[in-house]
Amino acid sequence: MARPRKTGLDYFPFDCDFFEDRKMIAISGEFGINGEIVAVKLLCEIFRNGYFIEWDELLKFKLAHICPGVSPEIIEQIVRRLVLWGFFDQGLYESTQILTSVDIQERYFNVAKYR
C-alpha cells in the first residue's frame, strides 16, 4: 500500500537576519518577544501544512496554548499587524482569512522540490 503524500515540510529555511527585518523589529517593539515567537510559531504551522494556513479561532487558541502567557486577543493583534506590515499577504487575509506570502510560497516550493 502506498504511503500518502505529505503536504507540509519537516523543516524550512530560516534566515539568520529574521529578527533584523523591519517588520520583526516593529513587531518586537510593539509586542516584545511575544510578537516574535508568535510569528515564528505561525511560520511553523504554515510550513507544517504546506504554504498557507487558514486563520480562524481554532488556530488562534492553539497558538495561545503553545505560547504561554500570550492571550488570544494579543495573538489576534499580532496577526493583524503582521498583515498590515506585509509579512502576510493582505489581500488574501482580507478576502479568505488565509495567511501566506510570496516569500513563504517560494520557500515552500524550493524546499519541496528536493524531497
PDB file of N, CA and C in Angstrom:
ATOM      1  N   MET A   1       0.844  -1.175   0.000  1.00  0.00           N
ATOM      2  CA  MET A   1       0.000   0.000   0.000  1.00  0.00           C
ATOM      3  C   MET A   1       0.892   1.240   0.000  1.00  0.00           C
ATOM      4  N   ALA A   2       0.593   2.163  -0.858  1.00  0.00           N
ATOM      5  CA  ALA A   2       1.392   3.373  -0.984  1.00  0.00           C
ATOM      6  C   ALA A   2       1.172   4.307   0.205  1.00  0.00           C
ATOM      7  N   ARG A   3       2.233   4.973   0.571  1.00  0.00           N
ATOM      8  CA  ARG A   3       2.158   5.945   1.652  1.00  0.00           C
ATOM      9  C   ARG A   3       1.513   7.227   1.145  1.00  0.00           C
ATOM     10  N   PRO A   4       0.649   7.874   1.935  1.00  0.00           N
ATOM     11  CA  PRO A   4       0.046   9.121   1.473  1.00  0.00           C
ATOM     12  C   PRO A   4       1.112  10.205   1.285  1.00  0.00           C
ATOM     13  N   ARG A   5       0.910  11.036   0.272  1.00  0.00           N
ATOM     14  CA  ARG A   5       1.838  12.141   0.018  1.00  0.00           C
ATOM     15  C   ARG A   5       1.732  13.176   1.117  1.00  0.00           C
ATOM     16  N   LYS A   6       2.865  13.585   1.589  1.00  0.00           N
ATOM     17  CA  LYS A   6       2.917  14.609   2.628  1.00  0.00           C
ATOM     18  C   LYS A   6       2.753  15.975   1.974  1.00  0.00           C
ATOM     19  N   THR A   7       1.945  16.823   2.578  1.00  0.00           N
ATOM     20  CA  THR A   7       1.737  18.153   2.002  1.00  0.00           C
ATOM     21  C   THR A   7       2.665  19.190   2.616  1.00  0.00           C
ATOM     22  N   GLY A   8       3.016  19.020   3.872  1.00  0.00           N
ATOM     23  CA  GLY A   8       3.847  20.002   4.550  1.00  0.00           C
ATOM     24  C   GLY A   8       5.316  19.630   4.519  1.00  0.00           C
ATOM     25  N   LEU A   9       6.106  20.431   5.227  1.00  0.00           N
ATOM     26  CA  LEU A   9       7.549  20.240   5.290  1.00  0.00           C
ATOM     27  C   LEU A   9       7.969  19.807   6.689  1.00  0.00           C
ATOM     28  N   ASP A  10       9.096  19.118   6.760  1.00  0.00           N
ATOM     29  CA  ASP A  10       9.683  18.767   8.047  1.00  0.00           C
ATOM     30  C   ASP A  10      10.590  19.884   8.559  1.00  0.00           C
ATOM     31  N   TYR A  11      11.060  20.726   7.660  1.00  0.00           N
ATOM     32  CA  TYR A  11      11.918  21.852   8.013  1.00  0.00           C
ATOM     33  C   TYR A  11      11.704  22.950   6.980  1.00  0.00           C
ATOM     34  N   PHE A  12      12.151  24.146   7.304  1.00  0.00           N
ATOM     35  CA  PHE A  12      12.129  25.232   6.337  1.00  0.00           C
ATOM     36  C   PHE A  12      13.329  26.126   6.598  1.00  0.00           C
ATOM     37  N   PRO A  13      13.834  26.805   5.555  1.00  0.00           N
ATOM     38  CA  PRO A  13      14.974  27.696   5.750  1.00  0.00           C
ATOM     39  C   PRO A  13      14.561  28.897   6.610  1.00  0.00           C
ATOM     40  N   PHE A  14      15.420  29.229   7.550  1.00  0.00           N
ATOM     41  CA  PHE A  14      15.153  30.344   8.458  1.00  0.00           C
ATOM     42  C   PHE A  14      16.333  31.298   8.370  1.00  0.00           C
ATOM     43  N   ASP A  15      16.096  32.506   7.895  1.00  0.00           N
ATOM     44  CA  ASP A  15      17.166  33.476   7.692  1.00  0.00           C
ATOM     45  C   ASP A  15      17.788  33.909   9.014  1.00  0.00           C
ATOM     46  N   CYS A  16      19.104  34.010   9.016  1.00  0.00           N
ATOM     47  CA  CYS A  16      19.822  34.453  10.219  1.00  0.00           C
ATOM     48  C   CYS A  16      19.448  35.874  10.619  1.00  0.00           C
ATOM     49  N   ASP A  17      19.055  36.669   9.649  1.00  0.00           N
ATOM     50  CA  ASP A  17      18.691  38.061   9.962  1.00  0.00           C
ATOM     51  C   ASP A  17      17.173  38.257  10.090  1.00  0.00           C
ATOM     52  N   PHE A  18      16.454  37.189  10.361  1.00  0.00           N
ATOM     53  CA  PHE A  18      14.990  37.253  10.503  1.00  0.00           C
ATOM     54  C   PHE A  18      14.574  38.334  11.499  1.00  0.00           C
ATOM     55  N   PHE A  19      15.256  38.381  12.631  1.00  0.00           N
ATOM     56  CA  PHE A  19      14.867  39.322  13.682  1.00  0.00           C
ATOM     57  C   PHE A  19      15.369  40.739  13.405  1.00  0.00           C
ATOM     58  N   GLU A  20      16.179  40.919  12.364  1.00  0.00           N
ATOM     59  CA  GLU A  20      16.658  42.249  11.973  1.00  0.00           C
ATOM     60  C   GLU A  20      15.774  42.877  10.898  1.00  0.00           C
ATOM     61  N   ASP A  21      14.837  42.103  10.367  1.00  0.00           N
ATOM     62  CA  ASP A  21      13.893  42.623   9.372  1.00  0.00           C
ATOM     63  C   ASP A  21      13.040  43.716  10.009  1.00  0.00           C
ATOM     64  N   ARG A  22      12.756  44.766   9.255  1.00  0.00           N
ATOM     65  CA  ARG A  22      11.970  45.892   9.771  1.00  0.00           C
ATOM     66  C   ARG A  22      10.625  45.464  10.336  1.00  0.00           C
ATOM     67  N   LYS A  23      10.003  44.483   9.720  1.00  0.00           N
ATOM     68  CA  LYS A  23       8.697  44.012  10.190  1.00  0.00           C
ATOM     69  C   LYS A  23       8.828  43.349  11.559  1.00  0.00           C
ATOM     70  N   MET A  24       9.879  42.556  11.742  1.00  0.00           N
ATOM     71  CA  MET A  24      10.078  41.894  13.029  1.00  0.00           C
ATOM     72  C   MET A  24      10.511  42.888  14.103  1.00  0.00           C
ATOM     73  N   ILE A  25      11.290  43.876  13.725  1.00  0.00           N
ATOM     74  CA  ILE A  25      11.678  44.910  14.684  1.00  0.00           C
ATOM     75  C   ILE A  25      10.437  45.662  15.153  1.00  0.00           C
ATOM     76  N   ALA A  26       9.528  45.953  14.218  1.00  0.00           N
ATOM     77  CA  ALA A  26       8.283  46.635  14.588  1.00  0.00           C
ATOM     78  C   ALA A  26       7.422  45.756  15.496  1.00  0.00           C
ATOM     79  N   ILE A  27       7.309  44.475  15.158  1.00  0.00           N
ATOM     80  CA  ILE A  27       6.532  43.546  15.989  1.00  0.00           C
ATOM     81  C   ILE A  27       7.139  43.459  17.386  1.00  0.00           C
ATOM     82  N   SER A  28       8.456  43.337  17.447  1.00  0.00           N
ATOM     83  CA  SER A  28       9.144  43.253  18.729  1.00  0.00           C
ATOM     84  C   SER A  28       8.990  44.544  19.522  1.00  0.00           C
ATOM     85  N   GLY A  29       9.037  45.664  18.830  1.00  0.00           N
ATOM     86  CA  GLY A  29       8.875  46.947  19.503  1.00  0.00           C
ATOM     87  C   GLY A  29       7.500  47.109  20.127  1.00  0.00           C
ATOM     88  N   GLU A  30       6.496  46.574  19.474  1.00  0.00           N
ATOM     89  CA  GLU A  30       5.129  46.707  19.975  1.00  0.00           C
ATOM     90  C   GLU A  30       4.742  45.597  20.949  1.00  0.00           C
ATOM     91  N   PHE A  31       5.164  44.368  20.657  1.00  0.00           N
ATOM     92  CA  PHE A  31       4.700  43.225  21.444  1.00  0.00           C
ATOM     93  C   PHE A  31       5.816  42.500  22.209  1.00  0.00           C
ATOM     94  N   GLY A  32       7.046  42.952  22.049  1.00  0.00           N
ATOM     95  CA  GLY A  32       8.160  42.294  22.713  1.00  0.00           C
ATOM     96  C   GLY A  32       8.430  40.927  22.111  1.00  0.00           C
ATOM     97  N   ILE A  33       9.052  40.071  22.895  1.00  0.00           N
ATOM     98  CA  ILE A  33       9.408  38.736  22.415  1.00  0.00           C
ATOM     99  C   ILE A  33       8.168  37.909  22.067  1.00  0.00           C
ATOM    100  N   ASN A  34       7.026  38.243  22.673  1.00  0.00           N
ATOM    101  CA  ASN A  34       5.787  37.521  22.354  1.00  0.00           C
ATOM    102  C   ASN A  34       5.430  37.663  20.876  1.00  0.00           C
ATOM    103  N   GLY A  35       5.629  38.846  20.330  1.00  0.00           N
ATOM    104  CA  GLY A  35       5.351  39.049  18.907  1.00  0.00           C
ATOM    105  C   GLY A  35       6.253  38.215  18.022  1.00  0.00           C
ATOM    106  N   GLU A  36       7.517  38.139  18.401  1.00  0.00           N
ATOM    107  CA  GLU A  36       8.471  37.354  17.625  1.00  0.00           C
ATOM    108  C   GLU A  36       8.133  35.867  17.667  1.00  0.00           C
ATOM    109  N   ILE A  37       7.834  35.355  18.850  1.00  0.00           N
ATOM    110  CA  ILE A  37       7.564  33.921  18.963  1.00  0.00           C
ATOM    111  C   ILE A  37       6.268  33.548  18.254  1.00  0.00           C
ATOM    112  N   VAL A  38       5.274  34.413  18.295  1.00  0.00           N
ATOM    113  CA  VAL A  38       4.026  34.135  17.572  1.00  0.00           C
ATOM    114  C   VAL A  38       4.297  34.082  16.069  1.00  0.00           C
ATOM    115  N   ALA A  39       5.118  34.997  15.553  1.00  0.00           N
ATOM    116  CA  ALA A  39       5.449  34.983  14.124  1.00  0.00           C
ATOM    117  C   ALA A  39       6.161  33.688  13.739  1.00  0.00           C
ATOM    118  N   VAL A  40       7.117  33.252  14.555  1.00  0.00           N
ATOM    119  CA  VAL A  40       7.853  32.017  14.256  1.00  0.00           C
ATOM    120  C   VAL A  40       6.925  30.804  14.352  1.00  0.00           C
ATOM    121  N   LYS A  41       6.090  30.764  15.382  1.00  0.00           N
ATOM    122  CA  LYS A  41       5.137  29.648  15.529  1.00  0.00           C
ATOM    123  C   LYS A  41       4.168  29.607  14.353  1.00  0.00           C
ATOM    124  N   LEU A  42       3.747  30.773  13.867  1.00  0.00           N
ATOM    125  CA  LEU A  42       2.870  30.806  12.694  1.00  0.00           C
ATOM    126  C   LEU A  42       3.576  30.233  11.462  1.00  0.00           C
ATOM    127  N   LEU A  43       4.843  30.595  11.281  1.00  0.00           N
ATOM    128  CA  LEU A  43       5.590  30.031  10.153  1.00  0.00           C
ATOM    129  C   LEU A  43       5.681  28.516  10.262  1.00  0.00           C
ATOM    130  N   CYS A  44       5.927  28.012  11.465  1.00  0.00           N
ATOM    131  CA  CYS A  44       5.989  26.559  11.656  1.00  0.00           C
ATOM    132  C   CYS A  44       4.653  25.906  11.316  1.00  0.00           C
ATOM    133  N   GLU A  45       3.564  26.504  11.756  1.00  0.00           N
ATOM    134  CA  GLU A  45       2.227  25.965  11.437  1.00  0.00           C
ATOM    135  C   GLU A  45       1.984  25.972   9.936  1.00  0.00           C
ATOM    136  N   ILE A  46       2.369  27.054   9.280  1.00  0.00           N
ATOM    137  CA  ILE A  46       2.157  27.163   7.835  1.00  0.00           C
ATOM    138  C   ILE A  46       2.949  26.094   7.102  1.00  0.00           C
ATOM    139  N   PHE A  47       4.250  26.011   7.359  1.00  0.00           N
ATOM    140  CA  PHE A  47       5.086  25.063   6.622  1.00  0.00           C
ATOM    141  C   PHE A  47       4.775  23.616   6.989  1.00  0.00           C
ATOM    142  N   ARG A  48       4.289  23.363   8.173  1.00  0.00           N
ATOM    143  CA  ARG A  48       3.895  22.005   8.553  1.00  0.00           C
ATOM    144  C   ARG A  48       2.720  21.537   7.688  1.00  0.00           C
ATOM    145  N   ASN A  49       1.901  22.480   7.255  1.00  0.00           N
ATOM    146  CA  ASN A  49       0.701  22.154   6.487  1.00  0.00           C
ATOM    147  C   ASN A  49       0.823  22.444   4.998  1.00  0.00           C
ATOM    148  N   GLY A  50       1.890  23.080   4.570  1.00  0.00           N
ATOM    149  CA  GLY A  50       2.047  23.441   3.162  1.00  0.00           C
ATOM    150  C   GLY A  50       2.617  24.838   3.049  1.00  0.00           C
ATOM    151  N   TYR A  51       1.935  25.707   2.307  1.00  0.00           N
ATOM    152  CA  TYR A  51       2.435  27.067   2.120  1.00  0.00           C
ATOM    153  C   TYR A  51       1.411  28.137   2.497  1.00  0.00           C
ATOM    154  N   PHE A  52       0.341  27.728   3.160  1.00  0.00           N
ATOM    155  CA  PHE A  52      -0.633  28.691   3.681  1.00  0.00           C
ATOM    156  C   PHE A  52      -1.392  28.020   4.812  1.00  0.00           C
ATOM    157  N   ILE A  53      -2.104  28.835   5.572  1.00  0.00           N
ATOM    158  CA  ILE A  53      -2.958  28.300   6.629  1.00  0.00           C
ATOM    159  C   ILE A  53      -4.146  29.238   6.787  1.00  0.00           C
ATOM    160  N   GLU A  54      -5.278  28.662   7.111  1.00  0.00           N
ATOM    161  CA  GLU A  54      -6.478  29.459   7.335  1.00  0.00           C
ATOM    162  C   GLU A  54      -6.439  30.016   8.757  1.00  0.00           C
ATOM    163  N   TRP A  55      -6.612  31.319   8.867  1.00  0.00           N
ATOM    164  CA  TRP A  55      -6.639  31.974  10.168  1.00  0.00           C
ATOM    165  C   TRP A  55      -8.057  31.879  10.716  1.00  0.00           C
ATOM    166  N   ASP A  56      -8.214  31.149  11.818  1.00  0.00           N
ATOM    167  CA  ASP A  56      -9.527  31.007  12.433  1.00  0.00           C
ATOM    168  C   ASP A  56      -9.378  30.938  13.946  1.00  0.00           C
ATOM    169  N   GLU A  57     -10.484  30.797  14.624  1.00  0.00           N
ATOM    170  CA  GLU A  57     -10.485  30.767  16.090  1.00  0.00           C
ATOM    171  C   GLU A  57      -9.685  29.577  16.621  1.00  0.00           C
ATOM    172  N   LEU A  58      -9.800  28.431  15.975  1.00  0.00           N
ATOM    173  CA  LEU A  58      -9.067  27.246  16.435  1.00  0.00           C
ATOM    174  C   LEU A  58      -7.561  27.470  16.418  1.00  0.00           C
ATOM    175  N   LEU A  59      -7.059  28.067  15.347  1.00  0.00           N
ATOM    176  CA  LEU A  59      -5.628  28.333  15.254  1.00  0.00           C
ATOM    177  C   LEU A  59      -5.217  29.381  16.289  1.00  0.00           C
ATOM    178  N   LYS A  60      -6.042  30.381  16.471  1.00  0.00           N
ATOM    179  CA  LYS A  60      -5.731  31.416  17.458  1.00  0.00           C
ATOM    180  C   LYS A  60      -5.599  30.811  18.857  1.00  0.00           C
ATOM    181  N   PHE A  61      -6.529  29.948  19.227  1.00  0.00           N
ATOM    182  CA  PHE A  61      -6.474  29.345  20.552  1.00  0.00           C
ATOM    183  C   PHE A  61      -5.371  28.293  20.660  1.00  0.00           C
ATOM    184  N   LYS A  62      -5.042  27.634  19.554  1.00  0.00           N
ATOM    185  CA  LYS A  62      -3.904  26.716  19.561  1.00  0.00           C
ATOM    186  C   LYS A  62      -2.621  27.490  19.846  1.00  0.00           C
ATOM    187  N   LEU A  63      -2.459  28.639  19.180  1.00  0.00           N
ATOM    188  CA  LEU A  63      -1.276  29.469  19.415  1.00  0.00           C
ATOM    189  C   LEU A  63      -1.231  29.972  20.853  1.00  0.00           C
ATOM    190  N   ALA A  64      -2.382  30.333  21.397  1.00  0.00           N
ATOM    191  CA  ALA A  64      -2.429  30.777  22.793  1.00  0.00           C
ATOM    192  C   ALA A  64      -1.985  29.651  23.721  1.00  0.00           C
ATOM    193  N   HIS A  65      -2.313  28.424  23.351  1.00  0.00           N
ATOM    194  CA  HIS A  65      -1.919  27.269  24.164  1.00  0.00           C
ATOM    195  C   HIS A  65      -0.416  27.003  24.078  1.00  0.00           C
ATOM    196  N   ILE A  66       0.156  27.126  22.872  1.00  0.00           N
ATOM    197  CA  ILE A  66       1.577  26.803  22.702  1.00  0.00           C
ATOM    198  C   ILE A  66       2.490  28.005  22.943  1.00  0.00           C
ATOM    199  N   CYS A  67       1.915  29.162  23.187  1.00  0.00           N
ATOM    200  CA  CYS A  67       2.683  30.369  23.534  1.00  0.00           C
ATOM    201  C   CYS A  67       2.222  30.836  24.914  1.00  0.00           C
ATOM    202  N   PRO A  68       2.708  30.195  25.972  1.00  0.00           N
ATOM    203  CA  PRO A  68       2.239  30.519  27.317  1.00  0.00           C
ATOM    204  C   PRO A  68       2.381  32.007  27.639  1.00  0.00           C
ATOM    205  N   GLY A  69       1.351  32.538  28.255  1.00  0.00           N
ATOM    206  CA  GLY A  69       1.383  33.939  28.661  1.00  0.00           C
ATOM    207  C   GLY A  69       0.926  34.916  27.601  1.00  0.00           C
ATOM    208  N   VAL A  70       0.588  34.413  26.404  1.00  0.00           N
ATOM    209  CA  VAL A  70       0.112  35.287  25.332  1.00  0.00           C
ATOM    210  C   VAL A  70      -1.370  35.006  25.141  1.00  0.00           C
ATOM    211  N   SER A  71      -2.186  36.005  25.356  1.00  0.00           N
ATOM    212  CA  SER A  71      -3.631  35.829  25.269  1.00  0.00           C
ATOM    213  C   SER A  71      -4.087  35.750  23.812  1.00  0.00           C
ATOM    214  N   PRO A  72      -5.240  35.141  23.576  1.00  0.00           N
ATOM    215  CA  PRO A  72      -5.788  35.106  22.213  1.00  0.00           C
ATOM    216  C   PRO A  72      -5.988  36.505  21.627  1.00  0.00           C
ATOM    217  N   GLU A  73      -6.326  37.463  22.461  1.00  0.00           N
ATOM    218  CA  GLU A  73      -6.524  38.842  21.980  1.00  0.00           C
ATOM    219  C   GLU A  73      -5.203  39.441  21.486  1.00  0.00           C
ATOM    220  N   ILE A  74      -4.132  39.198  22.207  1.00  0.00           N
ATOM    221  CA  ILE A  74      -2.816  39.700  21.779  1.00  0.00           C
ATOM    222  C   ILE A  74      -2.378  38.998  20.500  1.00  0.00           C
ATOM    223  N   ILE A  75      -2.625  37.702  20.405  1.00  0.00           N
ATOM    224  CA  ILE A  75      -2.284  36.963  19.186  1.00  0.00           C
ATOM    225  C   ILE A  75      -3.030  37.545  17.994  1.00  0.00           C
ATOM    226  N   GLU A  76      -4.302  37.851  18.173  1.00  0.00           N
ATOM    227  CA  GLU A  76      -5.086  38.478  17.094  1.00  0.00           C
ATOM    228  C   GLU A  76      -4.465  39.816  16.687  1.00  0.00           C
ATOM    229  N   GLN A  77      -4.049  40.611  17.648  1.00  0.00           N
ATOM    230  CA  GLN A  77      -3.417  41.903  17.345  1.00  0.00           C
ATOM    231  C   GLN A  77      -2.106  41.703  16.593  1.00  0.00           C
ATOM    232  N   ILE A  78      -1.321  40.727  17.005  1.00  0.00           N
ATOM    233  CA  ILE A  78      -0.050  40.451  16.335  1.00  0.00           C
ATOM    234  C   ILE A  78      -0.286  40.055  14.886  1.00  0.00           C
ATOM    235  N   VAL A  79      -1.240  39.162  14.655  1.00  0.00           N
ATOM    236  CA  VAL A  79      -1.538  38.730  13.279  1.00  0.00           C
ATOM    237  C   VAL A  79      -1.986  39.915  12.433  1.00  0.00           C
ATOM    238  N   ARG A  80      -2.831  40.752  12.976  1.00  0.00           N
ATOM    239  CA  ARG A  80      -3.294  41.927  12.204  1.00  0.00           C
ATOM    240  C   ARG A  80      -2.138  42.857  11.856  1.00  0.00           C
ATOM    241  N   ARG A  81      -1.198  43.027  12.780  1.00  0.00           N
ATOM    242  CA  ARG A  81      -0.025  43.856  12.492  1.00  0.00           C
ATOM    243  C   ARG A  81       0.862  43.200  11.438  1.00  0.00           C
ATOM    244  N   LEU A  82       1.051  41.881  11.539  1.00  0.00           N
ATOM    245  CA  LEU A  82       1.852  41.175  10.540  1.00  0.00           C
ATOM    246  C   LEU A  82       1.243  41.325   9.150  1.00  0.00           C
ATOM    247  N   VAL A  83      -0.065  41.301   9.075  1.00  0.00           N
ATOM    248  CA  VAL A  83      -0.750  41.507   7.796  1.00  0.00           C
ATOM    249  C   VAL A  83      -0.569  42.952   7.343  1.00  0.00           C
ATOM    250  N   LEU A  84      -0.786  43.893   8.231  1.00  0.00           N
ATOM    251  CA  LEU A  84      -0.673  45.318   7.903  1.00  0.00           C
ATOM    252  C   LEU A  84       0.714  45.664   7.377  1.00  0.00           C
ATOM    253  N   TRP A  85       1.745  45.085   7.975  1.00  0.00           N
ATOM    254  CA  TRP A  85       3.118  45.402   7.593  1.00  0.00           C
ATOM    255  C   TRP A  85       3.656  44.527   6.479  1.00  0.00           C
ATOM    256  N   GLY A  86       2.829  43.673   5.892  1.00  0.00           N
ATOM    257  CA  GLY A  86       3.216  42.918   4.708  1.00  0.00           C
ATOM    258  C   GLY A  86       3.951  41.616   4.968  1.00  0.00           C
ATOM    259  N   PHE A  87       4.005  41.169   6.216  1.00  0.00           N
ATOM    260  CA  PHE A  87       4.590  39.862   6.500  1.00  0.00           C
ATOM    261  C   PHE A  87       3.728  38.775   5.867  1.00  0.00           C
ATOM    262  N   PHE A  88       2.416  38.960   5.934  1.00  0.00           N
ATOM    263  CA  PHE A  88       1.445  38.113   5.251  1.00  0.00           C
ATOM    264  C   PHE A  88       0.712  38.937   4.216  1.00  0.00           C
ATOM    265  N   ASP A  89       0.220  38.295   3.160  1.00  0.00           N
ATOM    266  CA  ASP A  89      -0.497  38.968   2.081  1.00  0.00           C
ATOM    267  C   ASP A  89      -1.824  39.526   2.579  1.00  0.00           C
ATOM    268  N   GLN A  90      -1.981  40.830   2.478  1.00  0.00           N
ATOM    269  CA  GLN A  90      -3.170  41.491   2.995  1.00  0.00           C
ATOM    270  C   GLN A  90      -4.428  41.137   2.199  1.00  0.00           C
ATOM    271  N   GLY A  91      -4.314  41.042   0.889  1.00  0.00           N
ATOM    272  CA  GLY A  91      -5.471  40.714   0.059  1.00  0.00           C
ATOM    273  C   GLY A  91      -6.052  39.350   0.386  1.00  0.00           C
ATOM    274  N   LEU A  92      -5.192  38.355   0.510  1.00  0.00           N
ATOM    275  CA  LEU A  92      -5.669  37.002   0.842  1.00  0.00           C
ATOM    276  C   LEU A  92      -6.241  36.942   2.249  1.00  0.00           C
ATOM    277  N   TYR A  93      -5.621  37.671   3.161  1.00  0.00           N
ATOM    278  CA  TYR A  93      -6.132  37.683   4.531  1.00  0.00           C
ATOM    279  C   TYR A  93      -7.526  38.303   4.580  1.00  0.00           C
ATOM    280  N   GLU A  94      -7.691  39.432   3.913  1.00  0.00           N
ATOM    281  CA  GLU A  94      -8.979  40.124   3.962  1.00  0.00           C
ATOM    282  C   GLU A  94     -10.078  39.384   3.214  1.00  0.00           C
ATOM    283  N   SER A  95      -9.719  38.702   2.120  1.00  0.00           N
ATOM    284  CA  SER A  95     -10.753  38.047   1.321  1.00  0.00           C
ATOM    285  C   SER A  95     -11.081  36.626   1.809  1.00  0.00           C
ATOM    286  N   THR A  96     -10.076  35.903   2.306  1.00  0.00           N
ATOM    287  CA  THR A  96     -10.312  34.488   2.642  1.00  0.00           C
ATOM    288  C   THR A  96      -9.759  34.060   4.000  1.00  0.00           C
ATOM    289  N   GLN A  97      -9.198  34.989   4.765  1.00  0.00           N
ATOM    290  CA  GLN A  97      -8.601  34.679   6.064  1.00  0.00           C
ATOM    291  C   GLN A  97      -7.444  33.681   5.934  1.00  0.00           C
ATOM    292  N   ILE A  98      -6.694  33.779   4.835  1.00  0.00           N
ATOM    293  CA  ILE A  98      -5.545  32.919   4.586  1.00  0.00           C
ATOM    294  C   ILE A  98      -4.268  33.674   4.933  1.00  0.00           C
ATOM    295  N   LEU A  99      -3.367  32.994   5.665  1.00  0.00           N
ATOM    296  CA  LEU A  99      -2.060  33.556   5.979  1.00  0.00           C
ATOM    297  C   LEU A  99      -1.015  32.902   5.091  1.00  0.00           C
ATOM    298  N   THR A 100      -0.392  33.697   4.241  1.00  0.00           N
ATOM    299  CA  THR A 100       0.691  33.273   3.364  1.00  0.00           C
ATOM    300  C   THR A 100       1.342  34.530   2.802  1.00  0.00           C
ATOM    301  N   SER A 101       2.370  34.346   2.011  1.00  0.00           N
ATOM    302  CA  SER A 101       3.003  35.450   1.292  1.00  0.00           C
ATOM    303  C   SER A 101       3.771  34.864   0.119  1.00  0.00           C
ATOM    304  N   VAL A 102       4.215  35.716  -0.766  1.00  0.00           N
ATOM    305  CA  VAL A 102       5.016  35.249  -1.894  1.00  0.00           C
ATOM    306  C   VAL A 102       6.290  34.598  -1.381  1.00  0.00           C
ATOM    307  N   ASP A 103       6.932  35.199  -0.382  1.00  0.00           N
ATOM    308  CA  ASP A 103       8.159  34.646   0.182  1.00  0.00           C
ATOM    309  C   ASP A 103       7.921  33.260   0.779  1.00  0.00           C
ATOM    310  N   ILE A 104       6.841  33.095   1.512  1.00  0.00           N
ATOM    311  CA  ILE A 104       6.507  31.792   2.106  1.00  0.00           C
ATOM    312  C   ILE A 104       6.305  30.759   1.006  1.00  0.00           C
ATOM    313  N   GLN A 105       5.586  31.122  -0.032  1.00  0.00           N
ATOM    314  CA  GLN A 105       5.318  30.189  -1.121  1.00  0.00           C
ATOM    315  C   GLN A 105       6.603  29.813  -1.850  1.00  0.00           C
ATOM    316  N   GLU A 106       7.469  30.783  -2.090  1.00  0.00           N
ATOM    317  CA  GLU A 106       8.748  30.488  -2.752  1.00  0.00           C
ATOM    318  C   GLU A 106       9.596  29.548  -1.903  1.00  0.00           C
ATOM    319  N   ARG A 107       9.666  29.786  -0.602  1.00  0.00           N
ATOM    320  CA  ARG A 107      10.437  28.909   0.279  1.00  0.00           C
ATOM    321  C   ARG A 107       9.876  27.491   0.253  1.00  0.00           C
ATOM    322  N   TYR A 108       8.557  27.396   0.323  1.00  0.00           N
ATOM    323  CA  TYR A 108       7.927  26.070   0.321  1.00  0.00           C
ATOM    324  C   TYR A 108       8.293  25.305  -0.945  1.00  0.00           C
ATOM    325  N   PHE A 109       8.097  25.922  -2.100  1.00  0.00           N
ATOM    326  CA  PHE A 109       8.334  25.202  -3.355  1.00  0.00           C
ATOM    327  C   PHE A 109       9.817  24.909  -3.578  1.00  0.00           C
ATOM    328  N   ASN A 110      10.706  25.765  -3.094  1.00  0.00           N
ATOM    329  CA  ASN A 110      12.147  25.479  -3.210  1.00  0.00           C
ATOM    330  C   ASN A 110      12.534  24.274  -2.369  1.00  0.00           C
ATOM    331  N   VAL A 111      11.999  24.150  -1.184  1.00  0.00           N
ATOM    332  CA  VAL A 111      12.315  23.004  -0.327  1.00  0.00           C
ATOM    333  C   VAL A 111      11.594  21.758  -0.825  1.00  0.00           C
ATOM    334  N   ALA A 112      10.340  21.887  -1.209  1.00  0.00           N
ATOM    335  CA  ALA A 112       9.522  20.727  -1.603  1.00  0.00           C
ATOM    336  C   ALA A 112      10.069  20.030  -2.842  1.00  0.00           C
ATOM    337  N   LYS A 113      10.720  20.760  -3.724  1.00  0.00           N
ATOM    338  CA  LYS A 113      11.217  20.124  -4.950  1.00  0.00           C
ATOM    339  C   LYS A 113      12.381  19.175  -4.680  1.00  0.00           C
ATOM    340  N   TYR A 114      13.022  19.281  -3.504  1.00  0.00           N
ATOM    341  CA  TYR A 114      14.135  18.399  -3.162  1.00  0.00           C
ATOM    342  C   TYR A 114      13.738  17.212  -2.305  1.00  0.00           C
ATOM    343  N   ARG A 115      12.457  17.114  -1.947  1.00  0.00           N
ATOM    344  CA  ARG A 115      12.042  15.981  -1.113  1.00  0.00           C
ATOM    345  C   ARG A 115      11.907  14.726  -1.914  1.00  0.00           C
TER     346      ARG A 115
END
